Amino acid sequence: MRTLVIHPNDSTTDFLTDIYSGKNWEVIRGPIKKEELAARIADHDRIVMLGHGLPSGLIGHGGLVIDESMAHLLRGRKCVCIWCNADQYVLRHGLSGFYTGMFVSEPAEARLFGLPIDADPIKESNRLFAVAVRDSIFKENMLELTRQAYNSKTNPVIDYNRNNLYSRDALIEDWQGPGGGAGHDYEIDPVDNHVNDKSIEQAHAIGSILKVGKNKYEKNQ
């Protein structure tokens, strides 16, 4: 299967290069026109997206490299979405694969969530996470393997991040959910246009057990 890595240049996320180093995958790190990126995505079966981000997409080169307009190209492909709050993007658009919620990789983020801001725990977390993902990526039980390898009894940064790792193995193809994605029981907050917390929890639970098919689910079952 053909694999594309989208990892915008940013020295603060260079630790993630360990995930794909030596794998002979196509890698995009520099600026690229949206039309060309769309064509590259369409030409690959598996898409790995790494870096900083928002619920609305992956940040790079002064804007969003992966935004809402790219979602239809990603749907149906096996994805790895590693950026802060990627879970909201994945659930909103009905994507499948491995993804993260909030992920602390810098002192400023650690401070925001009341975690140690010392460099050593954060560096250890970043290093172990990249190695864990590298060794488990695209395996059938990627989430389980990643959590097993990315673990520590003494590092609260790792403990925090482990709770924000997710995987979805199924898509419901014939039902467009309330946010325009496929097969999810979630709601879009009308105030900030983000998936609300309760709906994220419900969608993760649903996504972990659903099988590919054309079953229809009603909200709040």
C-alpha atoms as a PDB file:
ATOM      1  CA  MET A   1       0.000   0.000   0.000  1.00  0.00           C
ATOM      2  CA  ARG A   2       1.207   3.495  -0.816  1.00  0.00           C
ATOM      3  CA  THR A   3       1.815   5.743   2.186  1.00  0.00           C
ATOM      4  CA  LEU A   4       2.054   9.540   2.252  1.00  0.00           C
ATOM      5  CA  VAL A   5       3.473  11.486   5.215  1.00  0.00           C
ATOM      6  CA  ILE A   6       2.445  15.128   5.670  1.00  0.00           C
ATOM      7  CA  HIS A   7       4.688  16.666   8.334  1.00  0.00           C
ATOM      8  CA  PRO A   8       5.106  20.446   7.982  1.00  0.00           C
ATOM      9  CA  ASN A   9       8.563  21.758   8.852  1.00  0.00           C
ATOM     10  CA  ASP A  10       8.686  22.803  12.514  1.00  0.00           C
ATOM     11  CA  SER A  11      11.656  22.196  14.787  1.00  0.00           C
ATOM     12  CA  THR A  12       9.344  21.621  17.766  1.00  0.00           C
ATOM     13  CA  THR A  13       7.856  18.528  16.108  1.00  0.00           C
ATOM     14  CA  ASP A  14      11.041  17.108  14.593  1.00  0.00           C
ATOM     15  CA  PHE A  15      10.917  14.292  17.163  1.00  0.00           C
ATOM     16  CA  LEU A  16       8.064  12.850  15.088  1.00  0.00           C
ATOM     17  CA  THR A  17      10.417  12.126  12.176  1.00  0.00           C
ATOM     18  CA  ASP A  18      11.369   8.916  13.995  1.00  0.00           C
ATOM     19  CA  ILE A  19       7.908   7.600  13.098  1.00  0.00           C
ATOM     20  CA  TYR A  20       8.638   7.408   9.374  1.00  0.00           C
ATOM     21  CA  SER A  21      12.428   7.546   9.134  1.00  0.00           C
ATOM     22  CA  GLY A  22      13.768   4.680   6.999  1.00  0.00           C
ATOM     23  CA  LYS A  23      10.327   3.507   5.867  1.00  0.00           C
ATOM     24  CA  ASN A  24      10.680   4.663   2.259  1.00  0.00           C
ATOM     25  CA  TRP A  25       7.367   6.497   2.317  1.00  0.00           C
ATOM     26  CA  GLU A  26       6.701   9.697   0.397  1.00  0.00           C
ATOM     27  CA  VAL A  27       7.194  12.643   2.757  1.00  0.00           C
ATOM     28  CA  ILE A  28       5.959  16.217   2.340  1.00  0.00           C
ATOM     29  CA  ARG A  29       7.499  18.724   4.750  1.00  0.00           C
ATOM     30  CA  GLY A  30       7.724  21.953   2.768  1.00  0.00           C
ATOM     31  CA  PRO A  31       5.029  24.251   1.385  1.00  0.00           C
ATOM     32  CA  ILE A  32       2.781  22.731  -1.241  1.00  0.00           C
ATOM     33  CA  LYS A  33      -0.174  24.038  -3.217  1.00  0.00           C
ATOM     34  CA  LYS A  34      -3.521  22.731  -2.059  1.00  0.00           C
ATOM     35  CA  GLU A  35      -4.335  21.281  -5.476  1.00  0.00           C
ATOM     36  CA  GLU A  36      -1.056  19.376  -5.583  1.00  0.00           C
ATOM     37  CA  LEU A  37      -1.501  18.080  -2.043  1.00  0.00           C
ATOM     38  CA  ALA A  38      -5.006  16.897  -2.886  1.00  0.00           C
ATOM     39  CA  ALA A  39      -3.613  14.996  -5.864  1.00  0.00           C
ATOM     40  CA  ARG A  40      -0.907  13.386  -3.717  1.00  0.00           C
ATOM     41  CA  ILE A  41      -3.475  12.289  -1.130  1.00  0.00           C
ATOM     42  CA  ALA A  42      -5.692  10.807  -3.844  1.00  0.00           C
ATOM     43  CA  ASP A  43      -2.730   8.796  -5.100  1.00  0.00           C
ATOM     44  CA  HIS A  44      -2.051   7.076  -1.753  1.00  0.00           C
ATOM     45  CA  ASP A  45      -3.846   4.505   0.375  1.00  0.00           C
ATOM     46  CA  ARG A  46      -2.531   5.558   3.788  1.00  0.00           C
ATOM     47  CA  ILE A  47      -2.021   9.111   5.017  1.00  0.00           C
ATOM     48  CA  VAL A  48       0.135  10.070   8.022  1.00  0.00           C
ATOM     49  CA  MET A  49      -0.372  13.636   9.281  1.00  0.00           C
ATOM     50  CA  LEU A  50       1.959  14.958  11.980  1.00  0.00           C
ATOM     51  CA  GLY A  51       2.593  18.244  13.750  1.00  0.00           C
ATOM     52  CA  HIS A  52       0.740  21.018  15.532  1.00  0.00           C
ATOM     53  CA  GLY A  53      -2.908  21.543  14.884  1.00  0.00           C
ATOM     54  CA  LEU A  54      -6.399  22.597  15.807  1.00  0.00           C
ATOM     55  CA  PRO A  55      -9.827  20.936  15.763  1.00  0.00           C
ATOM     56  CA  SER A  56     -10.096  22.325  12.235  1.00  0.00           C
ATOM     57  CA  GLY A  57      -6.902  20.723  10.904  1.00  0.00           C
ATOM     58  CA  LEU A  58      -3.122  20.396  10.720  1.00  0.00           C
ATOM     59  CA  ILE A  59      -1.068  23.602  10.962  1.00  0.00           C
ATOM     60  CA  GLY A  60       1.814  24.364   8.645  1.00  0.00           C
ATOM     61  CA  HIS A  61       3.531  27.192   6.774  1.00  0.00           C
ATOM     62  CA  GLY A  62       1.410  29.947   8.263  1.00  0.00           C
ATOM     63  CA  GLY A  63      -1.964  28.299   7.804  1.00  0.00           C
ATOM     64  CA  LEU A  64      -3.765  24.972   7.713  1.00  0.00           C
ATOM     65  CA  VAL A  65      -2.152  22.357   5.497  1.00  0.00           C
ATOM     66  CA  ILE A  66      -4.961  19.908   6.183  1.00  0.00           C
ATOM     67  CA  ASP A  67      -8.257  21.738   6.540  1.00  0.00           C
ATOM     68  CA  GLU A  68     -11.949  20.952   6.248  1.00  0.00           C
ATOM     69  CA  SER A  69     -11.767  20.893   2.453  1.00  0.00           C
ATOM     70  CA  MET A  70      -9.386  17.903   2.538  1.00  0.00           C
ATOM     71  CA  ALA A  71     -11.638  15.688   4.651  1.00  0.00           C
ATOM     72  CA  HIS A  72     -13.498  14.068   1.747  1.00  0.00           C
ATOM     73  CA  LEU A  73     -10.151  12.881   0.341  1.00  0.00           C
ATOM     74  CA  LEU A  74      -9.100  11.378   3.671  1.00  0.00           C
ATOM     75  CA  ARG A  75     -12.383   9.579   4.276  1.00  0.00           C
ATOM     76  CA  GLY A  76     -12.056   5.921   3.326  1.00  0.00           C
ATOM     77  CA  ARG A  77      -8.259   5.957   3.614  1.00  0.00           C
ATOM     78  CA  LYS A  78      -6.294   4.636   6.565  1.00  0.00           C
ATOM     79  CA  CYS A  79      -5.142   7.701   8.481  1.00  0.00           C
ATOM     80  CA  VAL A  80      -2.774   8.543  11.291  1.00  0.00           C
ATOM     81  CA  CYS A  81      -3.661  11.976  12.676  1.00  0.00           C
ATOM     82  CA  ILE A  82      -1.205  13.190  15.298  1.00  0.00           C
ATOM     83  CA  TRP A  83      -1.834  16.800  16.261  1.00  0.00           C
ATOM     84  CA  CYS A  84      -3.563  18.518  19.174  1.00  0.00           C
ATOM     85  CA  ASN A  85      -7.316  17.949  19.097  1.00  0.00           C
ATOM     86  CA  ALA A  86      -7.213  15.866  15.937  1.00  0.00           C
ATOM     87  CA  ASP A  87      -9.986  13.791  17.503  1.00  0.00           C
ATOM     88  CA  GLN A  88     -12.509  16.513  16.768  1.00  0.00           C
ATOM     89  CA  TYR A  89     -11.485  16.626  13.113  1.00  0.00           C
ATOM     90  CA  VAL A  90     -11.557  12.832  12.791  1.00  0.00           C
ATOM     91  CA  LEU A  91     -14.970  12.430  14.387  1.00  0.00           C
ATOM     92  CA  ARG A  92     -16.519  15.366  12.584  1.00  0.00           C
ATOM     93  CA  HIS A  93     -15.520  13.966   9.209  1.00  0.00           C
ATOM     94  CA  GLY A  94     -15.906  10.233   9.802  1.00  0.00           C
ATOM     95  CA  LEU A  95     -12.258   9.290   9.298  1.00  0.00           C
ATOM     96  CA  SER A  96     -10.699   5.978  10.220  1.00  0.00           C
ATOM     97  CA  GLY A  97      -7.372   5.163  11.846  1.00  0.00           C
ATOM     98  CA  PHE A  98      -5.190   6.249  14.771  1.00  0.00           C
ATOM     99  CA  TYR A  99      -5.497   9.760  16.177  1.00  0.00           C
ATOM    100  CA  THR A 100      -4.841  11.974  19.180  1.00  0.00           C
ATOM    101  CA  GLY A 101      -6.783  14.352  21.329  1.00  0.00           C
ATOM    102  CA  MET A 102      -4.862  17.027  23.198  1.00  0.00           C
ATOM    103  CA  PHE A 103      -1.197  15.998  23.202  1.00  0.00           C
ATOM    104  CA  VAL A 104       1.385  17.751  25.377  1.00  0.00           C
ATOM    105  CA  SER A 105       4.784  18.028  23.696  1.00  0.00           C
ATOM    106  CA  GLU A 106       6.042  21.436  24.856  1.00  0.00           C
ATOM    107  CA  PRO A 107       6.468  23.242  28.229  1.00  0.00           C
ATOM    108  CA  ALA A 108       3.797  25.837  27.386  1.00  0.00           C
ATOM    109  CA  GLU A 109       1.252  23.078  26.794  1.00  0.00           C
ATOM    110  CA  ALA A 110       2.312  21.298  29.985  1.00  0.00           C
ATOM    111  CA  ARG A 111       1.825  24.482  31.994  1.00  0.00           C
ATOM    112  CA  LEU A 112      -1.631  24.962  30.527  1.00  0.00           C
ATOM    113  CA  PHE A 113      -2.736  21.540  31.778  1.00  0.00           C
ATOM    114  CA  GLY A 114      -0.982  21.662  35.145  1.00  0.00           C
ATOM    115  CA  LEU A 115       1.784  19.214  34.196  1.00  0.00           C
ATOM    116  CA  PRO A 116       5.518  19.466  34.960  1.00  0.00           C
ATOM    117  CA  ILE A 117       7.213  21.935  32.653  1.00  0.00           C
ATOM    118  CA  ASP A 118      10.704  20.494  33.136  1.00  0.00           C
ATOM    119  CA  ALA A 119      12.356  19.595  29.854  1.00  0.00           C
ATOM    120  CA  ASP A 120      13.325  16.038  30.802  1.00  0.00           C
ATOM    121  CA  PRO A 121       9.824  14.518  31.246  1.00  0.00           C
ATOM    122  CA  ILE A 122       8.605  16.201  28.071  1.00  0.00           C
ATOM    123  CA  LYS A 123      11.611  15.050  26.031  1.00  0.00           C
ATOM    124  CA  GLU A 124      11.223  11.520  27.392  1.00  0.00           C
ATOM    125  CA  SER A 125       7.529  11.556  26.483  1.00  0.00           C
ATOM    126  CA  ASN A 126       8.213  12.796  22.960  1.00  0.00           C
ATOM    127  CA  ARG A 127      10.943  10.242  22.338  1.00  0.00           C
ATOM    128  CA  LEU A 128       8.992   7.268  23.670  1.00  0.00           C
ATOM    129  CA  PHE A 129       5.848   8.266  21.795  1.00  0.00           C
ATOM    130  CA  ALA A 130       7.617   8.526  18.446  1.00  0.00           C
ATOM    131  CA  VAL A 131       9.274   5.142  18.924  1.00  0.00           C
ATOM    132  CA  ALA A 132       6.017   3.522  20.053  1.00  0.00           C
ATOM    133  CA  VAL A 133       4.134   4.817  17.017  1.00  0.00           C
ATOM    134  CA  ARG A 134       6.998   3.899  14.679  1.00  0.00           C
ATOM    135  CA  ASP A 135       6.954   0.299  15.861  1.00  0.00           C
ATOM    136  CA  SER A 136       3.165  -0.112  15.765  1.00  0.00           C
ATOM    137  CA  ILE A 137       2.044   2.051  12.878  1.00  0.00           C
ATOM    138  CA  PHE A 138      -0.626   0.497  10.658  1.00  0.00           C
ATOM    139  CA  LYS A 139      -0.624  -2.767  12.587  1.00  0.00           C
ATOM    140  CA  GLU A 140      -4.069  -4.149  13.298  1.00  0.00           C
ATOM    141  CA  ASN A 141      -3.797  -3.419  17.023  1.00  0.00           C
ATOM    142  CA  MET A 142      -1.863  -0.153  16.686  1.00  0.00           C
ATOM    143  CA  LEU A 143      -3.611   1.620  19.550  1.00  0.00           C
ATOM    144  CA  GLU A 144      -3.011  -1.208  22.008  1.00  0.00           C
ATOM    145  CA  LEU A 145       0.614  -1.629  20.977  1.00  0.00           C
ATOM    146  CA  THR A 146       1.282   2.099  21.182  1.00  0.00           C
ATOM    147  CA  ARG A 147      -0.186   2.355  24.653  1.00  0.00           C
ATOM    148  CA  GLN A 148       1.830  -0.631  25.835  1.00  0.00           C
ATOM    149  CA  ALA A 149       5.114   0.831  24.631  1.00  0.00           C
ATOM    150  CA  TYR A 150       4.314   4.438  25.515  1.00  0.00           C
ATOM    151  CA  ASN A 151       3.979   4.004  29.238  1.00  0.00           C
ATOM    152  CA  SER A 152       5.564   5.236  32.446  1.00  0.00           C
ATOM    153  CA  LYS A 153       4.754   5.013  36.144  1.00  0.00           C
ATOM    154  CA  THR A 154       6.740   8.154  36.927  1.00  0.00           C
ATOM    155  CA  ASN A 155       6.070  10.553  34.031  1.00  0.00           C
ATOM    156  CA  PRO A 156       2.754  12.446  34.334  1.00  0.00           C
ATOM    157  CA  VAL A 157       3.108  13.858  30.804  1.00  0.00           C
ATOM    158  CA  ILE A 158       3.037  10.346  29.370  1.00  0.00           C
ATOM    159  CA  ASP A 159       0.132   9.436  31.627  1.00  0.00           C
ATOM    160  CA  TYR A 160      -1.832  12.454  30.395  1.00  0.00           C
ATOM    161  CA  ASN A 161      -1.115  11.835  26.723  1.00  0.00           C
ATOM    162  CA  ARG A 162      -1.893   8.097  26.878  1.00  0.00           C
ATOM    163  CA  ASN A 163      -5.446   8.965  27.838  1.00  0.00           C
ATOM    164  CA  ASN A 164      -5.785  10.976  24.639  1.00  0.00           C
ATOM    165  CA  LEU A 165      -4.882   8.280  22.126  1.00  0.00           C
ATOM    166  CA  TYR A 166      -7.673   6.782  20.044  1.00  0.00           C
ATOM    167  CA  SER A 167      -8.435   4.535  17.106  1.00  0.00           C
ATOM    168  CA  ARG A 168     -11.432   4.021  14.870  1.00  0.00           C
ATOM    169  CA  ASP A 169     -11.669   0.933  12.695  1.00  0.00           C
ATOM    170  CA  ALA A 170     -15.047   1.411  11.087  1.00  0.00           C
ATOM    171  CA  LEU A 171     -17.059   3.809   8.984  1.00  0.00           C
ATOM    172  CA  ILE A 172     -20.826   3.882   8.541  1.00  0.00           C
ATOM    173  CA  GLU A 173     -21.114   4.915   4.920  1.00  0.00           C
ATOM    174  CA  ASP A 174     -24.766   5.625   4.294  1.00  0.00           C
ATOM    175  CA  TRP A 175     -25.639   8.054   7.070  1.00  0.00           C
ATOM    176  CA  GLN A 176     -24.456  11.656   7.052  1.00  0.00           C
ATOM    177  CA  GLY A 177     -24.314  12.728  10.681  1.00  0.00           C
ATOM    178  CA  PRO A 178     -25.309  16.171  11.972  1.00  0.00           C
ATOM    179  CA  GLY A 179     -21.821  17.575  11.393  1.00  0.00           C
ATOM    180  CA  GLY A 180     -21.552  16.318   7.831  1.00  0.00           C
ATOM    181  CA  GLY A 181     -19.426  13.288   8.693  1.00  0.00           C
ATOM    182  CA  ALA A 182     -20.307   9.657   8.218  1.00  0.00           C
ATOM    183  CA  GLY A 183     -21.892   7.510  10.876  1.00  0.00           C
ATOM    184  CA  HIS A 184     -21.284   9.372  14.142  1.00  0.00           C
ATOM    185  CA  ASP A 185     -23.419  10.148  17.137  1.00  0.00           C
ATOM    186  CA  TYR A 186     -22.035  13.594  17.951  1.00  0.00           C
ATOM    187  CA  GLU A 187     -23.121  17.192  18.045  1.00  0.00           C
ATOM    188  CA  ILE A 188     -21.537  20.411  16.824  1.00  0.00           C
ATOM    189  CA  ASP A 189     -21.577  23.160  19.444  1.00  0.00           C
ATOM    190  CA  PRO A 190     -23.401  26.080  17.755  1.00  0.00           C
ATOM    191  CA  VAL A 191     -21.288  28.596  19.692  1.00  0.00           C
ATOM    192  CA  ASP A 192     -17.774  27.583  18.622  1.00  0.00           C
ATOM    193  CA  ASN A 193     -18.474  25.018  15.870  1.00  0.00           C
ATOM    194  CA  HIS A 194     -16.510  22.335  17.736  1.00  0.00           C
ATOM    195  CA  VAL A 195     -17.634  18.872  18.711  1.00  0.00           C
ATOM    196  CA  ASN A 196     -18.783  19.024  22.313  1.00  0.00           C
ATOM    197  CA  ASP A 197     -17.049  16.929  24.977  1.00  0.00           C
ATOM    198  CA  LYS A 198     -19.998  14.623  25.725  1.00  0.00           C
ATOM    199  CA  SER A 199     -20.440  13.818  22.060  1.00  0.00           C
ATOM    200  CA  ILE A 200     -16.703  13.095  21.637  1.00  0.00           C
ATOM    201  CA  GLU A 201     -16.878  10.541  24.442  1.00  0.00           C
ATOM    202  CA  GLN A 202     -19.958   8.939  22.895  1.00  0.00           C
ATOM    203  CA  ALA A 203     -18.431   8.865  19.434  1.00  0.00           C
ATOM    204  CA  HIS A 204     -15.218   7.220  20.649  1.00  0.00           C
ATOM    205  CA  ALA A 205     -17.283   4.525  22.361  1.00  0.00           C
ATOM    206  CA  ILE A 206     -19.391   3.947  19.270  1.00  0.00           C
ATOM    207  CA  GLY A 207     -16.427   4.000  16.921  1.00  0.00           C
ATOM    208  CA  SER A 208     -14.628   1.325  18.898  1.00  0.00           C
ATOM    209  CA  ILE A 209     -17.365  -1.262  18.395  1.00  0.00           C
ATOM    210  CA  LEU A 210     -19.004  -0.526  15.057  1.00  0.00           C
ATOM    211  CA  LYS A 211     -18.180  -2.658  12.021  1.00  0.00           C
ATOM    212  CA  VAL A 212     -18.181  -1.432   8.452  1.00  0.00           C
ATOM    213  CA  GLY A 213     -21.733  -1.641   7.200  1.00  0.00           C
ATOM    214  CA  LYS A 214     -24.871   0.279   6.482  1.00  0.00           C
ATOM    215  CA  ASN A 215     -26.468   0.281   9.890  1.00  0.00           C
ATOM    216  CA  LYS A 216     -28.253   3.432  10.901  1.00  0.00           C
ATOM    217  CA  TYR A 217     -27.951   4.837  14.390  1.00  0.00           C
ATOM    218  CA  GLU A 218     -30.164   7.423  15.958  1.00  0.00           C
ATOM    219  CA  LYS A 219     -28.721  10.084  18.212  1.00  0.00           C
ATOM    220  CA  ASN A 220     -28.593   9.503  21.963  1.00  0.00           C
ATOM    221  CA  GLN A 221     -29.514   5.807  21.819  1.00  0.00           C
END
